[in-house]
Structures are given as structure tokens and as C-alpha cells.
Amino acid sequence: MKNITDLNLHEKDTGSSEVQIALLTDKIQTLSKHVKQYKKDKHSSVGLLKAVNKRKKLLDYLKKNKIESYKNILTKLNLRK
């Protein structure tokens, strides 16, 4: 959750793509730990896949429209590339 304060555009920013990606990244990390521990929990694995796909779509949006913000997020959140 500490990543949100680094990425928000203003003090009360909760809906920008940058903040949503940070929240989803936190959720993905939590769910992936859970899925590794409880392999038969299919509902959580579906939720994990949905969160990963949503984050991918938001990252694609940033890549097309705000390339500097995209690069900033990749470095701060330690994501791909």
C-alpha cells in the first residue's frame, strides 16, 4: 500500500490508472501467496486471473496514452521489461 502514495496524482487520488495498478499489484501479490498455499481454491485463482488481466489492460492503456507514467510505474512497482 505504500506504493499508492508514490503514484497518486494528488492527495485524494484513488481512481487514476496509476493508483489502480498499484492496488491491483498489491492484490495480485496477496492472492498469489494464497493460491500457492491453497492449490484447490479455484475461486481465488479465478480472482487472481481477473486481477492480472485488469492490470494488463490498465498498463496497455498507460503505454498508449501516458508513456512517461507507464515507465515510472514499471520501475516503482518492479514490473516487467
PDB file of N, CA and C in Angstrom:
ATOM      1  N   MET A   1       0.806  -1.192   0.000  1.00  0.00           N
ATOM      2  CA  MET A   1       0.000   0.000   0.000  1.00  0.00           C
ATOM      3  C   MET A   1       0.853   1.261   0.000  1.00  0.00           C
ATOM      4  N   LYS A   2       2.112   1.138   0.367  1.00  0.00           N
ATOM      5  CA  LYS A   2       2.987   2.311   0.367  1.00  0.00           C
ATOM      6  C   LYS A   2       3.216   2.855  -1.040  1.00  0.00           C
ATOM      7  N   ASN A   3       3.022   2.001  -2.057  1.00  0.00           N
ATOM      8  CA  ASN A   3       3.240   2.418  -3.429  1.00  0.00           C
ATOM      9  C   ASN A   3       2.222   3.441  -3.891  1.00  0.00           C
ATOM     10  N   ILE A   4       1.054   3.459  -3.272  1.00  0.00           N
ATOM     11  CA  ILE A   4      -0.012   4.353  -3.700  1.00  0.00           C
ATOM     12  C   ILE A   4       0.391   5.800  -3.478  1.00  0.00           C
ATOM     13  N   THR A   5       1.023   6.096  -2.349  1.00  0.00           N
ATOM     14  CA  THR A   5       1.414   7.473  -2.068  1.00  0.00           C
ATOM     15  C   THR A   5       2.470   7.963  -3.053  1.00  0.00           C
ATOM     16  N   ASP A   6       3.261   7.058  -3.588  1.00  0.00           N
ATOM     17  CA  ASP A   6       4.276   7.444  -4.569  1.00  0.00           C
ATOM     18  C   ASP A   6       3.661   7.746  -5.934  1.00  0.00           C
ATOM     19  N   LEU A   7       2.529   7.103  -6.242  1.00  0.00           N
ATOM     20  CA  LEU A   7       1.983   7.168  -7.596  1.00  0.00           C
ATOM     21  C   LEU A   7       0.765   8.063  -7.748  1.00  0.00           C
ATOM     22  N   ASN A   8       0.155   8.506  -6.636  1.00  0.00           N
ATOM     23  CA  ASN A   8      -1.061   9.299  -6.809  1.00  0.00           C
ATOM     24  C   ASN A   8      -0.760  10.668  -7.385  1.00  0.00           C
ATOM     25  N   LEU A   9      -1.716  11.182  -8.149  1.00  0.00           N
ATOM     26  CA  LEU A   9      -1.533  12.448  -8.842  1.00  0.00           C
ATOM     27  C   LEU A   9      -1.787  13.637  -7.922  1.00  0.00           C
ATOM     28  N   HIS A  10      -2.690  13.486  -6.963  1.00  0.00           N
ATOM     29  CA  HIS A  10      -2.943  14.495  -5.946  1.00  0.00           C
ATOM     30  C   HIS A  10      -3.274  13.778  -4.645  1.00  0.00           C
ATOM     31  N   GLU A  11      -3.521  14.535  -3.590  1.00  0.00           N
ATOM     32  CA  GLU A  11      -3.638  13.958  -2.256  1.00  0.00           C
ATOM     33  C   GLU A  11      -4.753  12.917  -2.123  1.00  0.00           C
ATOM     34  N   LYS A  12      -5.905  13.169  -2.715  1.00  0.00           N
ATOM     35  CA  LYS A  12      -7.049  12.272  -2.557  1.00  0.00           C
ATOM     36  C   LYS A  12      -7.284  11.412  -3.791  1.00  0.00           C
ATOM     37  N   ASP A  13      -6.247  11.154  -4.544  1.00  0.00           N
ATOM     38  CA  ASP A  13      -6.365  10.381  -5.779  1.00  0.00           C
ATOM     39  C   ASP A  13      -6.539   8.900  -5.471  1.00  0.00           C
ATOM     40  N   THR A  14      -7.679   8.344  -5.885  1.00  0.00           N
ATOM     41  CA  THR A  14      -7.916   6.918  -5.700  1.00  0.00           C
ATOM     42  C   THR A  14      -8.328   6.235  -6.996  1.00  0.00           C
ATOM     43  N   GLY A  15      -8.601   6.988  -8.045  1.00  0.00           N
ATOM     44  CA  GLY A  15      -9.154   6.387  -9.241  1.00  0.00           C
ATOM     45  C   GLY A  15      -8.291   6.451 -10.472  1.00  0.00           C
ATOM     46  N   SER A  16      -7.148   7.087 -10.401  1.00  0.00           N
ATOM     47  CA  SER A  16      -6.312   7.180 -11.593  1.00  0.00           C
ATOM     48  C   SER A  16      -5.749   5.810 -11.944  1.00  0.00           C
ATOM     49  N   SER A  17      -5.351   5.650 -13.166  1.00  0.00           N
ATOM     50  CA  SER A  17      -4.819   4.361 -13.624  1.00  0.00           C
ATOM     51  C   SER A  17      -3.603   3.954 -12.811  1.00  0.00           C
ATOM     52  N   GLU A  18      -2.781   4.913 -12.459  1.00  0.00           N
ATOM     53  CA  GLU A  18      -1.566   4.618 -11.714  1.00  0.00           C
ATOM     54  C   GLU A  18      -1.886   4.002 -10.351  1.00  0.00           C
ATOM     55  N   VAL A  19      -2.851   4.599  -9.654  1.00  0.00           N
ATOM     56  CA  VAL A  19      -3.228   4.105  -8.328  1.00  0.00           C
ATOM     57  C   VAL A  19      -3.921   2.753  -8.441  1.00  0.00           C
ATOM     58  N   GLN A  20      -4.773   2.590  -9.458  1.00  0.00           N
ATOM     59  CA  GLN A  20      -5.445   1.312  -9.652  1.00  0.00           C
ATOM     60  C   GLN A  20      -4.441   0.194  -9.910  1.00  0.00           C
ATOM     61  N   ILE A  21      -3.406   0.486 -10.683  1.00  0.00           N
ATOM     62  CA  ILE A  21      -2.372  -0.516 -10.959  1.00  0.00           C
ATOM     63  C   ILE A  21      -1.635  -0.880  -9.675  1.00  0.00           C
ATOM     64  N   ALA A  22      -1.351   0.111  -8.833  1.00  0.00           N
ATOM     65  CA  ALA A  22      -0.674  -0.171  -7.564  1.00  0.00           C
ATOM     66  C   ALA A  22      -1.542  -1.032  -6.662  1.00  0.00           C
ATOM     67  N   LEU A  23      -2.840  -0.727  -6.599  1.00  0.00           N
ATOM     68  CA  LEU A  23      -3.756  -1.520  -5.778  1.00  0.00           C
ATOM     69  C   LEU A  23      -3.869  -2.954  -6.304  1.00  0.00           C
ATOM     70  N   LEU A  24      -3.968  -3.083  -7.616  1.00  0.00           N
ATOM     71  CA  LEU A  24      -4.063  -4.415  -8.215  1.00  0.00           C
ATOM     72  C   LEU A  24      -2.785  -5.219  -7.989  1.00  0.00           C
ATOM     73  N   THR A  25      -1.644  -4.555  -8.036  1.00  0.00           N
ATOM     74  CA  THR A  25      -0.374  -5.243  -7.802  1.00  0.00           C
ATOM     75  C   THR A  25      -0.331  -5.801  -6.389  1.00  0.00           C
ATOM     76  N   ASP A  26      -0.802  -5.015  -5.423  1.00  0.00           N
ATOM     77  CA  ASP A  26      -0.858  -5.479  -4.046  1.00  0.00           C
ATOM     78  C   ASP A  26      -1.805  -6.672  -3.914  1.00  0.00           C
ATOM     79  N   LYS A  27      -2.956  -6.577  -4.577  1.00  0.00           N
ATOM     80  CA  LYS A  27      -3.939  -7.665  -4.545  1.00  0.00           C
ATOM     81  C   LYS A  27      -3.383  -8.932  -5.199  1.00  0.00           C
ATOM     82  N   ILE A  28      -2.670  -8.764  -6.313  1.00  0.00           N
ATOM     83  CA  ILE A  28      -2.096  -9.903  -7.027  1.00  0.00           C
ATOM     84  C   ILE A  28      -1.052 -10.614  -6.163  1.00  0.00           C
ATOM     85  N   GLN A  29      -0.237  -9.848  -5.472  1.00  0.00           N
ATOM     86  CA  GLN A  29       0.777 -10.461  -4.614  1.00  0.00           C
ATOM     87  C   GLN A  29       0.130 -11.252  -3.484  1.00  0.00           C
ATOM     88  N   THR A  30      -0.915 -10.685  -2.889  1.00  0.00           N
ATOM     89  CA  THR A  30      -1.616 -11.371  -1.809  1.00  0.00           C
ATOM     90  C   THR A  30      -2.290 -12.645  -2.309  1.00  0.00           C
ATOM     91  N   LEU A  31      -2.994 -12.536  -3.436  1.00  0.00           N
ATOM     92  CA  LEU A  31      -3.699 -13.695  -3.974  1.00  0.00           C
ATOM     93  C   LEU A  31      -2.737 -14.790  -4.443  1.00  0.00           C
ATOM     94  N   SER A  32      -1.600 -14.399  -5.000  1.00  0.00           N
ATOM     95  CA  SER A  32      -0.670 -15.427  -5.478  1.00  0.00           C
ATOM     96  C   SER A  32      -0.085 -16.218  -4.308  1.00  0.00           C
ATOM     97  N   LYS A  33       0.161 -15.550  -3.175  1.00  0.00           N
ATOM     98  CA  LYS A  33       0.613 -16.276  -1.985  1.00  0.00           C
ATOM     99  C   LYS A  33      -0.468 -17.248  -1.523  1.00  0.00           C
ATOM    100  N   HIS A  34      -1.711 -16.784  -1.541  1.00  0.00           N
ATOM    101  CA  HIS A  34      -2.830 -17.619  -1.108  1.00  0.00           C
ATOM    102  C   HIS A  34      -3.005 -18.832  -2.018  1.00  0.00           C
ATOM    103  N   VAL A  35      -2.927 -18.598  -3.334  1.00  0.00           N
ATOM    104  CA  VAL A  35      -3.134 -19.689  -4.292  1.00  0.00           C
ATOM    105  C   VAL A  35      -2.010 -20.726  -4.192  1.00  0.00           C
ATOM    106  N   LYS A  36      -0.795 -20.273  -3.903  1.00  0.00           N
ATOM    107  CA  LYS A  36       0.301 -21.220  -3.730  1.00  0.00           C
ATOM    108  C   LYS A  36       0.079 -22.101  -2.507  1.00  0.00           C
ATOM    109  N   GLN A  37      -0.484 -21.508  -1.455  1.00  0.00           N
ATOM    110  CA  GLN A  37      -0.713 -22.264  -0.233  1.00  0.00           C
ATOM    111  C   GLN A  37      -1.918 -23.207  -0.359  1.00  0.00           C
ATOM    112  N   TYR A  38      -2.993 -22.708  -0.980  1.00  0.00           N
ATOM    113  CA  TYR A  38      -4.225 -23.491  -1.122  1.00  0.00           C
ATOM    114  C   TYR A  38      -4.472 -23.759  -2.605  1.00  0.00           C
ATOM    115  N   LYS A  39      -3.892 -24.808  -3.097  1.00  0.00           N
ATOM    116  CA  LYS A  39      -3.921 -25.092  -4.529  1.00  0.00           C
ATOM    117  C   LYS A  39      -5.306 -25.447  -5.043  1.00  0.00           C
ATOM    118  N   LYS A  40      -6.187 -25.955  -4.204  1.00  0.00           N
ATOM    119  CA  LYS A  40      -7.514 -26.360  -4.653  1.00  0.00           C
ATOM    120  C   LYS A  40      -8.535 -25.226  -4.616  1.00  0.00           C
ATOM    121  N   ASP A  41      -8.152 -24.057  -4.170  1.00  0.00           N
ATOM    122  CA  ASP A  41      -9.068 -22.918  -4.090  1.00  0.00           C
ATOM    123  C   ASP A  41      -9.194 -22.277  -5.477  1.00  0.00           C
ATOM    124  N   LYS A  42     -10.136 -22.788  -6.246  1.00  0.00           N
ATOM    125  CA  LYS A  42     -10.284 -22.330  -7.637  1.00  0.00           C
ATOM    126  C   LYS A  42     -10.878 -20.932  -7.728  1.00  0.00           C
ATOM    127  N   HIS A  43     -11.725 -20.546  -6.764  1.00  0.00           N
ATOM    128  CA  HIS A  43     -12.332 -19.218  -6.810  1.00  0.00           C
ATOM    129  C   HIS A  43     -11.265 -18.124  -6.674  1.00  0.00           C
ATOM    130  N   SER A  44     -10.324 -18.343  -5.801  1.00  0.00           N
ATOM    131  CA  SER A  44      -9.254 -17.362  -5.641  1.00  0.00           C
ATOM    132  C   SER A  44      -8.350 -17.312  -6.862  1.00  0.00           C
ATOM    133  N   SER A  45      -8.136 -18.458  -7.496  1.00  0.00           N
ATOM    134  CA  SER A  45      -7.286 -18.450  -8.691  1.00  0.00           C
ATOM    135  C   SER A  45      -7.981 -17.727  -9.841  1.00  0.00           C
ATOM    136  N   VAL A  46      -9.314 -17.820  -9.911  1.00  0.00           N
ATOM    137  CA  VAL A  46     -10.054 -17.066 -10.921  1.00  0.00           C
ATOM    138  C   VAL A  46      -9.944 -15.571 -10.628  1.00  0.00           C
ATOM    139  N   GLY A  47     -10.072 -15.201  -9.361  1.00  0.00           N
ATOM    140  CA  GLY A  47      -9.914 -13.798  -8.978  1.00  0.00           C
ATOM    141  C   GLY A  47      -8.529 -13.270  -9.289  1.00  0.00           C
ATOM    142  N   LEU A  48      -7.521 -14.128  -9.110  1.00  0.00           N
ATOM    143  CA  LEU A  48      -6.150 -13.739  -9.439  1.00  0.00           C
ATOM    144  C   LEU A  48      -6.011 -13.472 -10.931  1.00  0.00           C
ATOM    145  N   LEU A  49      -6.565 -14.354 -11.750  1.00  0.00           N
ATOM    146  CA  LEU A  49      -6.500 -14.163 -13.198  1.00  0.00           C
ATOM    147  C   LEU A  49      -7.214 -12.881 -13.629  1.00  0.00           C
ATOM    148  N   LYS A  50      -8.357 -12.593 -13.024  1.00  0.00           N
ATOM    149  CA  LYS A  50      -9.087 -11.371 -13.349  1.00  0.00           C
ATOM    150  C   LYS A  50      -8.277 -10.131 -12.990  1.00  0.00           C
ATOM    151  N   ALA A  51      -7.636 -10.156 -11.831  1.00  0.00           N
ATOM    152  CA  ALA A  51      -6.829  -9.017 -11.399  1.00  0.00           C
ATOM    153  C   ALA A  51      -5.625  -8.822 -12.319  1.00  0.00           C
ATOM    154  N   VAL A  52      -4.990  -9.913 -12.721  1.00  0.00           N
ATOM    155  CA  VAL A  52      -3.829  -9.821 -13.627  1.00  0.00           C
ATOM    156  C   VAL A  52      -4.257  -9.243 -14.976  1.00  0.00           C
ATOM    157  N   ASN A  53      -5.394  -9.711 -15.490  1.00  0.00           N
ATOM    158  CA  ASN A  53      -5.873  -9.209 -16.783  1.00  0.00           C
ATOM    159  C   ASN A  53      -6.264  -7.746 -16.711  1.00  0.00           C
ATOM    160  N   LYS A  54      -6.885  -7.337 -15.615  1.00  0.00           N
ATOM    161  CA  LYS A  54      -7.269  -5.926 -15.475  1.00  0.00           C
ATOM    162  C   LYS A  54      -6.026  -5.039 -15.394  1.00  0.00           C
ATOM    163  N   ARG A  55      -5.007  -5.500 -14.633  1.00  0.00           N
ATOM    164  CA  ARG A  55      -3.775  -4.719 -14.540  1.00  0.00           C
ATOM    165  C   ARG A  55      -3.095  -4.625 -15.896  1.00  0.00           C
ATOM    166  N   LYS A  56      -3.136  -5.706 -16.670  1.00  0.00           N
ATOM    167  CA  LYS A  56      -2.535  -5.706 -18.004  1.00  0.00           C
ATOM    168  C   LYS A  56      -3.232  -4.691 -18.904  1.00  0.00           C
ATOM    169  N   LYS A  57      -4.558  -4.642 -18.841  1.00  0.00           N
ATOM    170  CA  LYS A  57      -5.306  -3.675 -19.649  1.00  0.00           C
ATOM    171  C   LYS A  57      -4.974  -2.241 -19.242  1.00  0.00           C
ATOM    172  N   LEU A  58      -4.875  -1.986 -17.945  1.00  0.00           N
ATOM    173  CA  LEU A  58      -4.531  -0.645 -17.483  1.00  0.00           C
ATOM    174  C   LEU A  58      -3.109  -0.270 -17.898  1.00  0.00           C
ATOM    175  N   LEU A  59      -2.189  -1.223 -17.847  1.00  0.00           N
ATOM    176  CA  LEU A  59      -0.816  -0.948 -18.285  1.00  0.00           C
ATOM    177  C   LEU A  59      -0.764  -0.677 -19.791  1.00  0.00           C
ATOM    178  N   ASP A  60      -1.560  -1.402 -20.566  1.00  0.00           N
ATOM    179  CA  ASP A  60      -1.622  -1.153 -22.008  1.00  0.00           C
ATOM    180  C   ASP A  60      -2.164   0.240 -22.292  1.00  0.00           C
ATOM    181  N   TYR A  61      -3.175   0.652 -21.532  1.00  0.00           N
ATOM    182  CA  TYR A  61      -3.734   1.996 -21.681  1.00  0.00           C
ATOM    183  C   TYR A  61      -2.671   3.059 -21.399  1.00  0.00           C
ATOM    184  N   LEU A  62      -1.939   2.883 -20.302  1.00  0.00           N
ATOM    185  CA  LEU A  62      -0.894   3.852 -19.972  1.00  0.00           C
ATOM    186  C   LEU A  62       0.201   3.873 -21.029  1.00  0.00           C
ATOM    187  N   LYS A  63       0.536   2.706 -21.558  1.00  0.00           N
ATOM    188  CA  LYS A  63       1.581   2.630 -22.578  1.00  0.00           C
ATOM    189  C   LYS A  63       1.192   3.413 -23.824  1.00  0.00           C
ATOM    190  N   LYS A  64      -0.103   3.371 -24.169  1.00  0.00           N
ATOM    191  CA  LYS A  64      -0.568   4.089 -25.351  1.00  0.00           C
ATOM    192  C   LYS A  64      -0.689   5.587 -25.114  1.00  0.00           C
ATOM    193  N   ASN A  65      -1.144   5.985 -23.918  1.00  0.00           N
ATOM    194  CA  ASN A  65      -1.516   7.378 -23.687  1.00  0.00           C
ATOM    195  C   ASN A  65      -0.553   8.185 -22.833  1.00  0.00           C
ATOM    196  N   LYS A  66       0.091   7.557 -21.856  1.00  0.00           N
ATOM    197  CA  LYS A  66       0.995   8.268 -20.946  1.00  0.00           C
ATOM    198  C   LYS A  66       2.266   7.451 -20.782  1.00  0.00           C
ATOM    199  N   ILE A  67       3.146   7.527 -21.738  1.00  0.00           N
ATOM    200  CA  ILE A  67       4.329   6.668 -21.756  1.00  0.00           C
ATOM    201  C   ILE A  67       5.262   6.941 -20.572  1.00  0.00           C
ATOM    202  N   GLU A  68       5.383   8.195 -20.147  1.00  0.00           N
ATOM    203  CA  GLU A  68       6.261   8.507 -19.013  1.00  0.00           C
ATOM    204  C   GLU A  68       5.724   7.902 -17.725  1.00  0.00           C
ATOM    205  N   SER A  69       4.423   7.986 -17.537  1.00  0.00           N
ATOM    206  CA  SER A  69       3.792   7.397 -16.362  1.00  0.00           C
ATOM    207  C   SER A  69       3.940   5.880 -16.387  1.00  0.00           C
ATOM    208  N   TYR A  70       3.832   5.298 -17.573  1.00  0.00           N
ATOM    209  CA  TYR A  70       3.999   3.852 -17.753  1.00  0.00           C
ATOM    210  C   TYR A  70       5.398   3.419 -17.313  1.00  0.00           C
ATOM    211  N   LYS A  71       6.411   4.129 -17.775  1.00  0.00           N
ATOM    212  CA  LYS A  71       7.794   3.791 -17.416  1.00  0.00           C
ATOM    213  C   LYS A  71       8.027   3.971 -15.914  1.00  0.00           C
ATOM    214  N   ASN A  72       7.426   5.014 -15.351  1.00  0.00           N
ATOM    215  CA  ASN A  72       7.554   5.301 -13.927  1.00  0.00           C
ATOM    216  C   ASN A  72       6.963   4.157 -13.094  1.00  0.00           C
ATOM    217  N   ILE A  73       5.804   3.686 -13.493  1.00  0.00           N
ATOM    218  CA  ILE A  73       5.143   2.608 -12.758  1.00  0.00           C
ATOM    219  C   ILE A  73       5.946   1.310 -12.854  1.00  0.00           C
ATOM    220  N   LEU A  74       6.470   1.010 -14.026  1.00  0.00           N
ATOM    221  CA  LEU A  74       7.243  -0.225 -14.175  1.00  0.00           C
ATOM    222  C   LEU A  74       8.454  -0.237 -13.248  1.00  0.00           C
ATOM    223  N   THR A  75       9.105   0.896 -13.092  1.00  0.00           N
ATOM    224  CA  THR A  75      10.277   0.936 -12.219  1.00  0.00           C
ATOM    225  C   THR A  75       9.886   0.921 -10.743  1.00  0.00           C
ATOM    226  N   LYS A  76       8.856   1.685 -10.363  1.00  0.00           N
ATOM    227  CA  LYS A  76       8.487   1.755  -8.954  1.00  0.00           C
ATOM    228  C   LYS A  76       7.875   0.480  -8.424  1.00  0.00           C
ATOM    229  N   LEU A  77       7.119  -0.224  -9.263  1.00  0.00           N
ATOM    230  CA  LEU A  77       6.459  -1.443  -8.813  1.00  0.00           C
ATOM    231  C   LEU A  77       7.244  -2.702  -9.158  1.00  0.00           C
ATOM    232  N   ASN A  78       8.398  -2.530  -9.792  1.00  0.00           N
ATOM    233  CA  ASN A  78       9.248  -3.676 -10.150  1.00  0.00           C
ATOM    234  C   ASN A  78       8.499  -4.655 -11.043  1.00  0.00           C
ATOM    235  N   LEU A  79       7.867  -4.149 -12.095  1.00  0.00           N
ATOM    236  CA  LEU A  79       7.133  -5.000 -13.010  1.00  0.00           C
ATOM    237  C   LEU A  79       7.991  -5.320 -14.221  1.00  0.00           C
ATOM    238  N   ARG A  80       7.418  -5.893 -15.222  1.00  0.00           N
ATOM    239  CA  ARG A  80       8.118  -6.434 -16.385  1.00  0.00           C
ATOM    240  C   ARG A  80       8.991  -5.428 -17.130  1.00  0.00           C
ATOM    241  N   LYS A  81       9.731  -5.974 -18.056  1.00  0.00           N
ATOM    242  CA  LYS A  81      10.562  -5.231 -19.008  1.00  0.00           C
ATOM    243  C   LYS A  81      11.557  -4.382 -18.276  1.00  0.00           C
TER     244      LYS A  81
END
